[in-house]
């Protein structure tokens, strides 16, 4: 169970936030309502499990990348993986995602 999921079920406030790069509509669900859905609709529990497997795989990849890959390599991989939105992102967003400072990001980015 992820920290987010643990805090969600424990009804603790989450310390993480998200930035949106375009107009976004966000929905929320009360934990008791979610538990009700899981208890009464097995397909919802399956959907959640499959979603969490995907999230877990992505997080494991990010953790490995942070530990064993140089900042420049992470930047190049990020740029290729998110080429469709890369140019719309603020430097602070990219640096935060890569786990580096903005100064490091400016230094490792190729000259234009």
PDB file of N, CA and C in Angstrom:
ATOM      1  N   UNK A   1       0.844  -1.166   0.000  1.00  0.00           N
ATOM      2  CA  UNK A   1       0.000   0.000   0.000  1.00  0.00           C
ATOM      3  C   UNK A   1       0.900   1.244   0.000  1.00  0.00           C
ATOM      4  N   UNK A   2       0.631   2.182  -0.888  1.00  0.00           N
ATOM      5  CA  UNK A   2       1.457   3.387  -0.985  1.00  0.00           C
ATOM      6  C   UNK A   2       1.194   4.319   0.198  1.00  0.00           C
ATOM      7  N   UNK A   3       2.108   5.279   0.407  1.00  0.00           N
ATOM      8  CA  UNK A   3       1.910   6.260   1.473  1.00  0.00           C
ATOM      9  C   UNK A   3       0.613   7.024   1.251  1.00  0.00           C
ATOM     10  N   UNK A   4       0.338   7.354  -0.011  1.00  0.00           N
ATOM     11  CA  UNK A   4      -0.902   8.074  -0.323  1.00  0.00           C
ATOM     12  C   UNK A   4      -2.101   7.231   0.080  1.00  0.00           C
ATOM     13  N   UNK A   5      -2.099   5.959  -0.296  1.00  0.00           N
ATOM     14  CA  UNK A   5      -3.211   5.078   0.014  1.00  0.00           C
ATOM     15  C   UNK A   5      -3.338   4.899   1.520  1.00  0.00           C
ATOM     16  N   UNK A   6      -2.208   4.729   2.206  1.00  0.00           N
ATOM     17  CA  UNK A   6      -2.243   4.583   3.659  1.00  0.00           C
ATOM     18  C   UNK A   6      -2.866   5.813   4.301  1.00  0.00           C
ATOM     19  N   UNK A   7      -2.443   6.986   3.870  1.00  0.00           N
ATOM     20  CA  UNK A   7      -2.982   8.217   4.447  1.00  0.00           C
ATOM     21  C   UNK A   7      -4.452   8.374   4.083  1.00  0.00           C
ATOM     22  N   UNK A   8      -4.816   7.973   2.873  1.00  0.00           N
ATOM     23  CA  UNK A   8      -6.205   8.075   2.441  1.00  0.00           C
ATOM     24  C   UNK A   8      -7.094   7.228   3.342  1.00  0.00           C
ATOM     25  N   UNK A   9      -6.729   5.977   3.525  1.00  0.00           N
ATOM     26  CA  UNK A   9      -7.541   5.088   4.350  1.00  0.00           C
ATOM     27  C   UNK A   9      -7.464   5.438   5.832  1.00  0.00           C
ATOM     28  N   UNK A  10      -6.347   6.010   6.263  1.00  0.00           N
ATOM     29  CA  UNK A  10      -6.212   6.424   7.657  1.00  0.00           C
ATOM     30  C   UNK A  10      -6.834   7.802   7.884  1.00  0.00           C
ATOM     31  N   UNK A  11      -7.323   8.402   6.806  1.00  0.00           N
ATOM     32  CA  UNK A  11      -7.963   9.720   6.847  1.00  0.00           C
ATOM     33  C   UNK A  11      -6.998  10.796   7.341  1.00  0.00           C
ATOM     34  N   UNK A  12      -5.734  10.686   6.908  1.00  0.00           N
ATOM     35  CA  UNK A  12      -4.733  11.693   7.242  1.00  0.00           C
ATOM     36  C   UNK A  12      -4.523  12.599   6.041  1.00  0.00           C
ATOM     37  N   UNK A  13      -4.169  13.842   6.317  1.00  0.00           N
ATOM     38  CA  UNK A  13      -3.942  14.807   5.256  1.00  0.00           C
ATOM     39  C   UNK A  13      -2.697  14.426   4.454  1.00  0.00           C
ATOM     40  N   UNK A  14      -2.798  14.530   3.154  1.00  0.00           N
ATOM     41  CA  UNK A  14      -1.697  14.226   2.257  1.00  0.00           C
ATOM     42  C   UNK A  14      -0.791  15.459   2.143  1.00  0.00           C
ATOM     43  N   UNK A  15       0.525  15.256   2.152  1.00  0.00           N
ATOM     44  CA  UNK A  15       1.465  16.376   2.063  1.00  0.00           C
ATOM     45  C   UNK A  15       1.862  16.691   0.619  1.00  0.00           C
ATOM     46  N   UNK A  16       1.434  15.876  -0.328  1.00  0.00           N
ATOM     47  CA  UNK A  16       1.825  16.055  -1.715  1.00  0.00           C
ATOM     48  C   UNK A  16       0.819  16.936  -2.445  1.00  0.00           C
ATOM     49  N   UNK A  17       1.298  17.611  -3.471  1.00  0.00           N
ATOM     50  CA  UNK A  17       0.411  18.429  -4.286  1.00  0.00           C
ATOM     51  C   UNK A  17       0.754  18.196  -5.751  1.00  0.00           C
ATOM     52  N   UNK A  18      -0.121  18.629  -6.607  1.00  0.00           N
ATOM     53  CA  UNK A  18       0.081  18.486  -8.044  1.00  0.00           C
ATOM     54  C   UNK A  18      -0.092  19.837  -8.706  1.00  0.00           C
ATOM     55  N   UNK A  19       0.675  20.055  -9.761  1.00  0.00           N
ATOM     56  CA  UNK A  19       0.510  21.238 -10.594  1.00  0.00           C
ATOM     57  C   UNK A  19      -0.172  20.816 -11.874  1.00  0.00           C
ATOM     58  N   UNK A  20      -1.087  21.623 -12.346  1.00  0.00           N
ATOM     59  CA  UNK A  20      -1.745  21.361 -13.623  1.00  0.00           C
ATOM     60  C   UNK A  20      -1.174  22.328 -14.657  1.00  0.00           C
ATOM     61  N   UNK A  21      -0.940  21.826 -15.861  1.00  0.00           N
ATOM     62  CA  UNK A  21      -0.379  22.695 -16.905  1.00  0.00           C
ATOM     63  C   UNK A  21      -1.464  23.211 -17.846  1.00  0.00           C
ATOM     64  N   UNK A  22      -2.696  22.798 -17.612  1.00  0.00           N
ATOM     65  CA  UNK A  22      -3.821  23.318 -18.374  1.00  0.00           C
ATOM     66  C   UNK A  22      -5.054  23.265 -17.479  1.00  0.00           C
ATOM     67  N   UNK A  23      -6.143  23.875 -17.917  1.00  0.00           N
ATOM     68  CA  UNK A  23      -7.356  23.863 -17.113  1.00  0.00           C
ATOM     69  C   UNK A  23      -7.740  22.425 -16.791  1.00  0.00           C
ATOM     70  N   UNK A  24      -8.040  22.188 -15.543  1.00  0.00           N
ATOM     71  CA  UNK A  24      -8.272  20.833 -15.059  1.00  0.00           C
ATOM     72  C   UNK A  24      -9.478  20.802 -14.135  1.00  0.00           C
ATOM     73  N   UNK A  25     -10.243  19.736 -14.231  1.00  0.00           N
ATOM     74  CA  UNK A  25     -11.323  19.484 -13.292  1.00  0.00           C
ATOM     75  C   UNK A  25     -10.893  18.298 -12.440  1.00  0.00           C
ATOM     76  N   UNK A  26     -10.919  18.464 -11.139  1.00  0.00           N
ATOM     77  CA  UNK A  26     -10.527  17.398 -10.221  1.00  0.00           C
ATOM     78  C   UNK A  26     -11.748  16.973  -9.412  1.00  0.00           C
ATOM     79  N   UNK A  27     -11.852  15.696  -9.175  1.00  0.00           N
ATOM     80  CA  UNK A  27     -12.943  15.155  -8.382  1.00  0.00           C
ATOM     81  C   UNK A  27     -12.372  14.519  -7.132  1.00  0.00           C
ATOM     82  N   UNK A  28     -13.168  14.487  -6.086  1.00  0.00           N
ATOM     83  CA  UNK A  28     -12.722  13.807  -4.885  1.00  0.00           C
ATOM     84  C   UNK A  28     -13.826  12.879  -4.417  1.00  0.00           C
ATOM     85  N   UNK A  29     -13.420  11.879  -3.658  1.00  0.00           N
ATOM     86  CA  UNK A  29     -14.374  10.927  -3.124  1.00  0.00           C
ATOM     87  C   UNK A  29     -14.040  10.694  -1.655  1.00  0.00           C
ATOM     88  N   UNK A  30     -15.075  10.642  -0.871  1.00  0.00           N
ATOM     89  CA  UNK A  30     -14.916  10.368   0.553  1.00  0.00           C
ATOM     90  C   UNK A  30     -14.458   8.931   0.723  1.00  0.00           C
ATOM     91  N   UNK A  31     -13.546   8.687   1.645  1.00  0.00           N
ATOM     92  CA  UNK A  31     -12.998   7.350   1.836  1.00  0.00           C
ATOM     93  C   UNK A  31     -14.097   6.333   2.159  1.00  0.00           C
ATOM     94  N   UNK A  32     -15.102   6.738   2.915  1.00  0.00           N
ATOM     95  CA  UNK A  32     -16.191   5.809   3.239  1.00  0.00           C
ATOM     96  C   UNK A  32     -16.975   5.411   1.993  1.00  0.00           C
ATOM     97  N   UNK A  33     -17.149   6.366   1.063  1.00  0.00           N
ATOM     98  CA  UNK A  33     -17.836   6.056  -0.194  1.00  0.00           C
ATOM     99  C   UNK A  33     -16.997   5.111  -1.054  1.00  0.00           C
ATOM    100  N   UNK A  34     -15.694   5.309  -1.043  1.00  0.00           N
ATOM    101  CA  UNK A  34     -14.822   4.432  -1.805  1.00  0.00           C
ATOM    102  C   UNK A  34     -14.863   3.010  -1.242  1.00  0.00           C
ATOM    103  N   UNK A  35     -14.800   2.893   0.057  1.00  0.00           N
ATOM    104  CA  UNK A  35     -14.883   1.571   0.688  1.00  0.00           C
ATOM    105  C   UNK A  35     -16.216   0.912   0.337  1.00  0.00           C
ATOM    106  N   UNK A  36     -17.282   1.683   0.337  1.00  0.00           N
ATOM    107  CA  UNK A  36     -18.594   1.153  -0.050  1.00  0.00           C
ATOM    108  C   UNK A  36     -18.546   0.599  -1.476  1.00  0.00           C
ATOM    109  N   UNK A  37     -17.949   1.359  -2.395  1.00  0.00           N
ATOM    110  CA  UNK A  37     -17.841   0.898  -3.783  1.00  0.00           C
ATOM    111  C   UNK A  37     -17.060  -0.409  -3.861  1.00  0.00           C
ATOM    112  N   UNK A  38     -15.944  -0.483  -3.145  1.00  0.00           N
ATOM    113  CA  UNK A  38     -15.136  -1.703  -3.157  1.00  0.00           C
ATOM    114  C   UNK A  38     -15.906  -2.887  -2.582  1.00  0.00           C
ATOM    115  N   UNK A  39     -16.641  -2.641  -1.517  1.00  0.00           N
ATOM    116  CA  UNK A  39     -17.385  -3.723  -0.872  1.00  0.00           C
ATOM    117  C   UNK A  39     -18.561  -4.222  -1.715  1.00  0.00           C
ATOM    118  N   UNK A  40     -19.155  -3.334  -2.489  1.00  0.00           N
ATOM    119  CA  UNK A  40     -20.373  -3.683  -3.211  1.00  0.00           C
ATOM    120  C   UNK A  40     -20.198  -3.892  -4.718  1.00  0.00           C
ATOM    121  N   UNK A  41     -19.076  -3.485  -5.245  1.00  0.00           N
ATOM    122  CA  UNK A  41     -18.837  -3.623  -6.681  1.00  0.00           C
ATOM    123  C   UNK A  41     -17.424  -4.168  -6.887  1.00  0.00           C
ATOM    124  N   UNK A  42     -17.287  -5.493  -6.980  1.00  0.00           N
ATOM    125  CA  UNK A  42     -15.954  -6.108  -7.108  1.00  0.00           C
ATOM    126  C   UNK A  42     -15.139  -5.551  -8.274  1.00  0.00           C
ATOM    127  N   UNK A  43     -15.811  -5.120  -9.337  1.00  0.00           N
ATOM    128  CA  UNK A  43     -15.070  -4.578 -10.484  1.00  0.00           C
ATOM    129  C   UNK A  43     -14.347  -3.282 -10.110  1.00  0.00           C
ATOM    130  N   UNK A  44     -14.889  -2.528  -9.144  1.00  0.00           N
ATOM    131  CA  UNK A  44     -14.212  -1.309  -8.698  1.00  0.00           C
ATOM    132  C   UNK A  44     -12.942  -1.652  -7.931  1.00  0.00           C
ATOM    133  N   UNK A  45     -13.014  -2.669  -7.106  1.00  0.00           N
ATOM    134  CA  UNK A  45     -11.827  -3.096  -6.366  1.00  0.00           C
ATOM    135  C   UNK A  45     -10.758  -3.611  -7.333  1.00  0.00           C
ATOM    136  N   UNK A  46     -11.183  -4.357  -8.352  1.00  0.00           N
ATOM    137  CA  UNK A  46     -10.240  -4.852  -9.361  1.00  0.00           C
ATOM    138  C   UNK A  46      -9.613  -3.683 -10.121  1.00  0.00           C
ATOM    139  N   UNK A  47     -10.426  -2.716 -10.510  1.00  0.00           N
ATOM    140  CA  UNK A  47      -9.920  -1.542 -11.211  1.00  0.00           C
ATOM    141  C   UNK A  47      -8.876  -0.816 -10.351  1.00  0.00           C
ATOM    142  N   UNK A  48      -9.174  -0.662  -9.055  1.00  0.00           N
ATOM    143  CA  UNK A  48      -8.240   0.003  -8.156  1.00  0.00           C
ATOM    144  C   UNK A  48      -6.941  -0.785  -8.044  1.00  0.00           C
ATOM    145  N   UNK A  49      -7.053  -2.092  -7.922  1.00  0.00           N
ATOM    146  CA  UNK A  49      -5.845  -2.922  -7.804  1.00  0.00           C
ATOM    147  C   UNK A  49      -4.992  -2.801  -9.061  1.00  0.00           C
ATOM    148  N   UNK A  50      -5.613  -2.874 -10.227  1.00  0.00           N
ATOM    149  CA  UNK A  50      -4.865  -2.760 -11.481  1.00  0.00           C
ATOM    150  C   UNK A  50      -4.232  -1.371 -11.616  1.00  0.00           C
ATOM    151  N   UNK A  51      -4.960  -0.344 -11.202  1.00  0.00           N
ATOM    152  CA  UNK A  51      -4.416   1.021 -11.239  1.00  0.00           C
ATOM    153  C   UNK A  51      -3.212   1.144 -10.315  1.00  0.00           C
ATOM    154  N   UNK A  52      -3.336   0.582  -9.120  1.00  0.00           N
ATOM    155  CA  UNK A  52      -2.234   0.649  -8.158  1.00  0.00           C
ATOM    156  C   UNK A  52      -1.019  -0.133  -8.648  1.00  0.00           C
ATOM    157  N   UNK A  53      -1.241  -1.240  -9.349  1.00  0.00           N
ATOM    158  CA  UNK A  53      -0.115  -1.985  -9.919  1.00  0.00           C
ATOM    159  C   UNK A  53       0.634  -1.115 -10.914  1.00  0.00           C
ATOM    160  N   UNK A  54      -0.095  -0.389 -11.729  1.00  0.00           N
ATOM    161  CA  UNK A  54       0.516   0.498 -12.713  1.00  0.00           C
ATOM    162  C   UNK A  54       1.298   1.613 -12.017  1.00  0.00           C
ATOM    163  N   UNK A  55       0.686   2.229 -11.015  1.00  0.00           N
ATOM    164  CA  UNK A  55       1.334   3.296 -10.264  1.00  0.00           C
ATOM    165  C   UNK A  55       2.580   2.759  -9.564  1.00  0.00           C
ATOM    166  N   UNK A  56       2.471   1.590  -8.963  1.00  0.00           N
ATOM    167  CA  UNK A  56       3.603   0.983  -8.260  1.00  0.00           C
ATOM    168  C   UNK A  56       4.771   0.755  -9.217  1.00  0.00           C
ATOM    169  N   UNK A  57       4.486   0.217 -10.400  1.00  0.00           N
ATOM    170  CA  UNK A  57       5.540  -0.011 -11.393  1.00  0.00           C
ATOM    171  C   UNK A  57       6.219   1.282 -11.789  1.00  0.00           C
ATOM    172  N   UNK A  58       5.428   2.320 -12.006  1.00  0.00           N
ATOM    173  CA  UNK A  58       5.978   3.623 -12.382  1.00  0.00           C
ATOM    174  C   UNK A  58       6.846   4.178 -11.254  1.00  0.00           C
ATOM    175  N   UNK A  59       6.378   4.072 -10.018  1.00  0.00           N
ATOM    176  CA  UNK A  59       7.151   4.577  -8.881  1.00  0.00           C
ATOM    177  C   UNK A  59       8.452   3.814  -8.692  1.00  0.00           C
ATOM    178  N   UNK A  60       8.425   2.509  -8.877  1.00  0.00           N
ATOM    179  CA  UNK A  60       9.651   1.721  -8.748  1.00  0.00           C
ATOM    180  C   UNK A  60      10.665   2.140  -9.810  1.00  0.00           C
ATOM    181  N   UNK A  61      10.184   2.396 -11.008  1.00  0.00           N
ATOM    182  CA  UNK A  61      11.064   2.863 -12.087  1.00  0.00           C
ATOM    183  C   UNK A  61      11.679   4.219 -11.727  1.00  0.00           C
ATOM    184  N   UNK A  62      10.870   5.112 -11.168  1.00  0.00           N
ATOM    185  CA  UNK A  62      11.377   6.438 -10.775  1.00  0.00           C
ATOM    186  C   UNK A  62      12.392   6.335  -9.651  1.00  0.00           C
ATOM    187  N   UNK A  63      12.114   5.495  -8.670  1.00  0.00           N
ATOM    188  CA  UNK A  63      13.044   5.336  -7.549  1.00  0.00           C
ATOM    189  C   UNK A  63      14.380   4.791  -8.043  1.00  0.00           C
ATOM    190  N   UNK A  64      14.333   3.785  -8.899  1.00  0.00           N
ATOM    191  CA  UNK A  64      15.572   3.224  -9.454  1.00  0.00           C
ATOM    192  C   UNK A  64      16.326   4.279 -10.250  1.00  0.00           C
ATOM    193  N   UNK A  65      15.597   5.052 -11.018  1.00  0.00           N
ATOM    194  CA  UNK A  65      16.216   6.104 -11.818  1.00  0.00           C
ATOM    195  C   UNK A  65      16.896   7.142 -10.920  1.00  0.00           C
ATOM    196  N   UNK A  66      16.209   7.533  -9.855  1.00  0.00           N
ATOM    197  CA  UNK A  66      16.778   8.532  -8.938  1.00  0.00           C
ATOM    198  C   UNK A  66      18.055   8.019  -8.281  1.00  0.00           C
ATOM    199  N   UNK A  67      18.084   6.751  -7.973  1.00  0.00           N
ATOM    200  CA  UNK A  67      19.237   6.187  -7.251  1.00  0.00           C
ATOM    201  C   UNK A  67      20.408   5.856  -8.168  1.00  0.00           C
ATOM    202  N   UNK A  68      20.127   5.396  -9.378  1.00  0.00           N
ATOM    203  CA  UNK A  68      21.183   4.809 -10.194  1.00  0.00           C
ATOM    204  C   UNK A  68      21.441   5.501 -11.533  1.00  0.00           C
ATOM    205  N   UNK A  69      20.778   6.626 -11.774  1.00  0.00           N
ATOM    206  CA  UNK A  69      20.939   7.306 -13.057  1.00  0.00           C
ATOM    207  C   UNK A  69      21.371   8.747 -12.818  1.00  0.00           C
ATOM    208  N   UNK A  70      22.298   9.202 -13.617  1.00  0.00           N
ATOM    209  CA  UNK A  70      22.773  10.585 -13.500  1.00  0.00           C
ATOM    210  C   UNK A  70      21.665  11.559 -13.914  1.00  0.00           C
ATOM    211  N   UNK A  71      21.742  12.767 -13.389  1.00  0.00           N
ATOM    212  CA  UNK A  71      20.726  13.785 -13.665  1.00  0.00           C
ATOM    213  C   UNK A  71      20.551  14.020 -15.162  1.00  0.00           C
ATOM    214  N   UNK A  72      21.639  14.058 -15.891  1.00  0.00           N
ATOM    215  CA  UNK A  72      21.575  14.294 -17.346  1.00  0.00           C
ATOM    216  C   UNK A  72      20.803  13.167 -18.039  1.00  0.00           C
ATOM    217  N   UNK A  73      21.053  11.930 -17.636  1.00  0.00           N
ATOM    218  CA  UNK A  73      20.331  10.795 -18.217  1.00  0.00           C
ATOM    219  C   UNK A  73      18.850  10.859 -17.874  1.00  0.00           C
ATOM    220  N   UNK A  74      18.518  11.214 -16.636  1.00  0.00           N
ATOM    221  CA  UNK A  74      17.113  11.343 -16.233  1.00  0.00           C
ATOM    222  C   UNK A  74      16.436  12.429 -17.057  1.00  0.00           C
ATOM    223  N   UNK A  75      17.155  13.535 -17.256  1.00  0.00           N
ATOM    224  CA  UNK A  75      16.608  14.641 -18.052  1.00  0.00           C
ATOM    225  C   UNK A  75      16.335  14.189 -19.489  1.00  0.00           C
ATOM    226  N   UNK A  76      17.302  13.515 -20.104  1.00  0.00           N
ATOM    227  CA  UNK A  76      17.114  13.048 -21.487  1.00  0.00           C
ATOM    228  C   UNK A  76      15.952  12.072 -21.596  1.00  0.00           C
ATOM    229  N   UNK A  77      15.828  11.171 -20.636  1.00  0.00           N
ATOM    230  CA  UNK A  77      14.718  10.212 -20.628  1.00  0.00           C
ATOM    231  C   UNK A  77      13.379  10.935 -20.457  1.00  0.00           C
ATOM    232  N   UNK A  78      13.353  11.910 -19.559  1.00  0.00           N
ATOM    233  CA  UNK A  78      12.138  12.702 -19.334  1.00  0.00           C
ATOM    234  C   UNK A  78      11.729  13.426 -20.612  1.00  0.00           C
ATOM    235  N   UNK A  79      12.701  14.043 -21.258  1.00  0.00           N
ATOM    236  CA  UNK A  79      12.418  14.810 -22.470  1.00  0.00           C
ATOM    237  C   UNK A  79      11.842  13.908 -23.568  1.00  0.00           C
ATOM    238  N   UNK A  80      12.382  12.701 -23.719  1.00  0.00           N
ATOM    239  CA  UNK A  80      11.860  11.762 -24.718  1.00  0.00           C
ATOM    240  C   UNK A  80      10.483  11.234 -24.325  1.00  0.00           C
ATOM    241  N   UNK A  81      10.321  10.890 -23.054  1.00  0.00           N
ATOM    242  CA  UNK A  81       9.066  10.295 -22.585  1.00  0.00           C
ATOM    243  C   UNK A  81       7.903  11.275 -22.624  1.00  0.00           C
ATOM    244  N   UNK A  82       8.192  12.531 -22.389  1.00  0.00           N
ATOM    245  CA  UNK A  82       7.132  13.539 -22.310  1.00  0.00           C
ATOM    246  C   UNK A  82       7.311  14.629 -23.363  1.00  0.00           C
ATOM    247  N   UNK A  83       7.765  14.239 -24.541  1.00  0.00           N
ATOM    248  CA  UNK A  83       8.048  15.215 -25.600  1.00  0.00           C
ATOM    249  C   UNK A  83       6.809  16.018 -26.007  1.00  0.00           C
ATOM    250  N   UNK A  84       5.627  15.436 -25.827  1.00  0.00           N
ATOM    251  CA  UNK A  84       4.403  16.134 -26.221  1.00  0.00           C
ATOM    252  C   UNK A  84       4.034  17.285 -25.281  1.00  0.00           C
ATOM    253  N   UNK A  85       4.491  17.241 -24.043  1.00  0.00           N
ATOM    254  CA  UNK A  85       4.155  18.314 -23.094  1.00  0.00           C
ATOM    255  C   UNK A  85       5.377  19.044 -22.549  1.00  0.00           C
ATOM    256  N   UNK A  86       6.543  18.534 -22.825  1.00  0.00           N
ATOM    257  CA  UNK A  86       7.778  19.062 -22.241  1.00  0.00           C
ATOM    258  C   UNK A  86       7.898  20.580 -22.364  1.00  0.00           C
ATOM    259  N   UNK A  87       7.599  21.126 -23.512  1.00  0.00           N
ATOM    260  CA  UNK A  87       7.811  22.553 -23.759  1.00  0.00           C
ATOM    261  C   UNK A  87       6.769  23.436 -23.063  1.00  0.00           C
ATOM    262  N   UNK A  88       5.750  22.833 -22.484  1.00  0.00           N
ATOM    263  CA  UNK A  88       4.724  23.590 -21.766  1.00  0.00           C
ATOM    264  C   UNK A  88       4.999  23.657 -20.266  1.00  0.00           C
ATOM    265  N   UNK A  89       6.016  22.954 -19.814  1.00  0.00           N
ATOM    266  CA  UNK A  89       6.284  22.857 -18.381  1.00  0.00           C
ATOM    267  C   UNK A  89       7.246  23.935 -17.903  1.00  0.00           C
ATOM    268  N   UNK A  90       7.023  24.382 -16.683  1.00  0.00           N
ATOM    269  CA  UNK A  90       7.956  25.315 -16.052  1.00  0.00           C
ATOM    270  C   UNK A  90       9.202  24.543 -15.624  1.00  0.00           C
ATOM    271  N   UNK A  91      10.343  25.237 -15.616  1.00  0.00           N
ATOM    272  CA  UNK A  91      11.589  24.591 -15.207  1.00  0.00           C
ATOM    273  C   UNK A  91      11.484  23.990 -13.806  1.00  0.00           C
ATOM    274  N   UNK A  92      10.808  24.694 -12.906  1.00  0.00           N
ATOM    275  CA  UNK A  92      10.691  24.184 -11.536  1.00  0.00           C
ATOM    276  C   UNK A  92       9.926  22.865 -11.501  1.00  0.00           C
ATOM    277  N   UNK A  93       8.951  22.684 -12.400  1.00  0.00           N
ATOM    278  CA  UNK A  93       8.189  21.435 -12.458  1.00  0.00           C
ATOM    279  C   UNK A  93       9.085  20.281 -12.917  1.00  0.00           C
ATOM    280  N   UNK A  94       9.856  20.529 -13.956  1.00  0.00           N
ATOM    281  CA  UNK A  94      10.740  19.499 -14.488  1.00  0.00           C
ATOM    282  C   UNK A  94      11.809  19.149 -13.455  1.00  0.00           C
ATOM    283  N   UNK A  95      12.408  20.167 -12.857  1.00  0.00           N
ATOM    284  CA  UNK A  95      13.449  19.931 -11.857  1.00  0.00           C
ATOM    285  C   UNK A  95      12.891  19.135 -10.677  1.00  0.00           C
ATOM    286  N   UNK A  96      11.721  19.499 -10.216  1.00  0.00           N
ATOM    287  CA  UNK A  96      11.104  18.788  -9.100  1.00  0.00           C
ATOM    288  C   UNK A  96      10.856  17.325  -9.455  1.00  0.00           C
ATOM    289  N   UNK A  97      10.330  17.090 -10.636  1.00  0.00           N
ATOM    290  CA  UNK A  97      10.056  15.718 -11.065  1.00  0.00           C
ATOM    291  C   UNK A  97      11.348  14.897 -11.140  1.00  0.00           C
ATOM    292  N   UNK A  98      12.408  15.525 -11.604  1.00  0.00           N
ATOM    293  CA  UNK A  98      13.688  14.828 -11.754  1.00  0.00           C
ATOM    294  C   UNK A  98      14.460  14.718 -10.437  1.00  0.00           C
ATOM    295  N   UNK A  99      14.019  15.447  -9.422  1.00  0.00           N
ATOM    296  CA  UNK A  99      14.710  15.395  -8.130  1.00  0.00           C
ATOM    297  C   UNK A  99      16.017  16.165  -8.127  1.00  0.00           C
ATOM    298  N   UNK A 100      16.054  17.255  -8.895  1.00  0.00           N
ATOM    299  CA  UNK A 100      17.251  18.087  -8.970  1.00  0.00           C
ATOM    300  C   UNK A 100      16.853  19.543  -8.781  1.00  0.00           C
ATOM    301  N   UNK A 101      17.829  20.410  -8.579  1.00  0.00           N
ATOM    302  CA  UNK A 101      17.539  21.837  -8.452  1.00  0.00           C
ATOM    303  C   UNK A 101      17.364  22.446  -9.836  1.00  0.00           C
ATOM    304  N   UNK A 102      16.742  23.626  -9.862  1.00  0.00           N
ATOM    305  CA  UNK A 102      16.607  24.335 -11.142  1.00  0.00           C
ATOM    306  C   UNK A 102      17.975  24.699 -11.706  1.00  0.00           C
ATOM    307  N   UNK A 103      18.902  25.018 -10.833  1.00  0.00           N
ATOM    308  CA  UNK A 103      20.253  25.373 -11.267  1.00  0.00           C
ATOM    309  C   UNK A 103      20.920  24.200 -11.975  1.00  0.00           C
ATOM    310  N   UNK A 104      20.760  22.997 -11.408  1.00  0.00           N
ATOM    311  CA  UNK A 104      21.326  21.805 -12.048  1.00  0.00           C
ATOM    312  C   UNK A 104      20.648  21.566 -13.388  1.00  0.00           C
ATOM    313  N   UNK A 105      19.346  21.736 -13.440  1.00  0.00           N
ATOM    314  CA  UNK A 105      18.625  21.537 -14.697  1.00  0.00           C
ATOM    315  C   UNK A 105      19.115  22.503 -15.768  1.00  0.00           C
ATOM    316  N   UNK A 106      19.296  23.764 -15.394  1.00  0.00           N
ATOM    317  CA  UNK A 106      19.792  24.758 -16.357  1.00  0.00           C
ATOM    318  C   UNK A 106      21.177  24.358 -16.859  1.00  0.00           C
ATOM    319  N   UNK A 107      22.010  23.837 -15.963  1.00  0.00           N
ATOM    320  CA  UNK A 107      23.377  23.453 -16.329  1.00  0.00           C
ATOM    321  C   UNK A 107      23.405  22.242 -17.269  1.00  0.00           C
ATOM    322  N   UNK A 108      22.506  21.264 -17.075  1.00  0.00           N
ATOM    323  CA  UNK A 108      22.578  20.040 -17.884  1.00  0.00           C
ATOM    324  C   UNK A 108      21.780  20.105 -19.168  1.00  0.00           C
ATOM    325  N   UNK A 109      20.904  21.099 -19.290  1.00  0.00           N
ATOM    326  CA  UNK A 109      20.123  21.235 -20.529  1.00  0.00           C
ATOM    327  C   UNK A 109      21.047  21.630 -21.670  1.00  0.00           C
ATOM    328  N   UNK A 110      20.779  21.088 -22.858  1.00  0.00           N
ATOM    329  CA  UNK A 110      21.622  21.476 -23.998  1.00  0.00           C
ATOM    330  C   UNK A 110      21.416  22.950 -24.370  1.00  0.00           C
ATOM    331  N   UNK A 111      22.467  23.535 -24.907  1.00  0.00           N
ATOM    332  CA  UNK A 111      22.376  24.922 -25.371  1.00  0.00           C
ATOM    333  C   UNK A 111      21.437  25.003 -26.563  1.00  0.00           C
ATOM    334  N   UNK A 112      20.700  26.108 -26.671  1.00  0.00           N
ATOM    335  CA  UNK A 112      19.779  26.277 -27.801  1.00  0.00           C
ATOM    336  C   UNK A 112      20.428  27.057 -28.906  1.00  0.00           C
TER     337      UNK A 112
END
